[in-house]
């Protein structure tokens, strides 16, 4: 206590606020970068760990958490951002870093033309109209 009833004493660092969470600004996680060097990360891009996840001392805690998620199986960029509680832009930068050092592999999403069969969609529309 600092003698005023609350807060850290002089010389004590307080890096965590119980209500607000970590006091590290998001741009500090990415070194001030707002975009990954290459724009391969669409919301639906699938990301998977390139190999077994080990202790890499060069990774920050957020990068390690992202890598652990990717080791569980393919995840979309949107899922990774949500599961790690990170803004999408920050998640993309962290994924770009992991891709650059070879820790992850990415697969672009399938084009929409391959996702839906127009004949099936027409049958669904016809069925709904029949109701």
Foldseek 3Di string as FASTA:
>chain_A
DCPPPDDDHPPDDDQADPVPGGPDDLCVLLVNDQAQPDPQADQFKKKAFQDDDDDDVVDDPLLSQLLVVRPVDIDHLNRSCVVSVHPSRSSRSSVSVCVVVRGMDIDHDDPPVVVDDVVVVVVVVVVVVVD
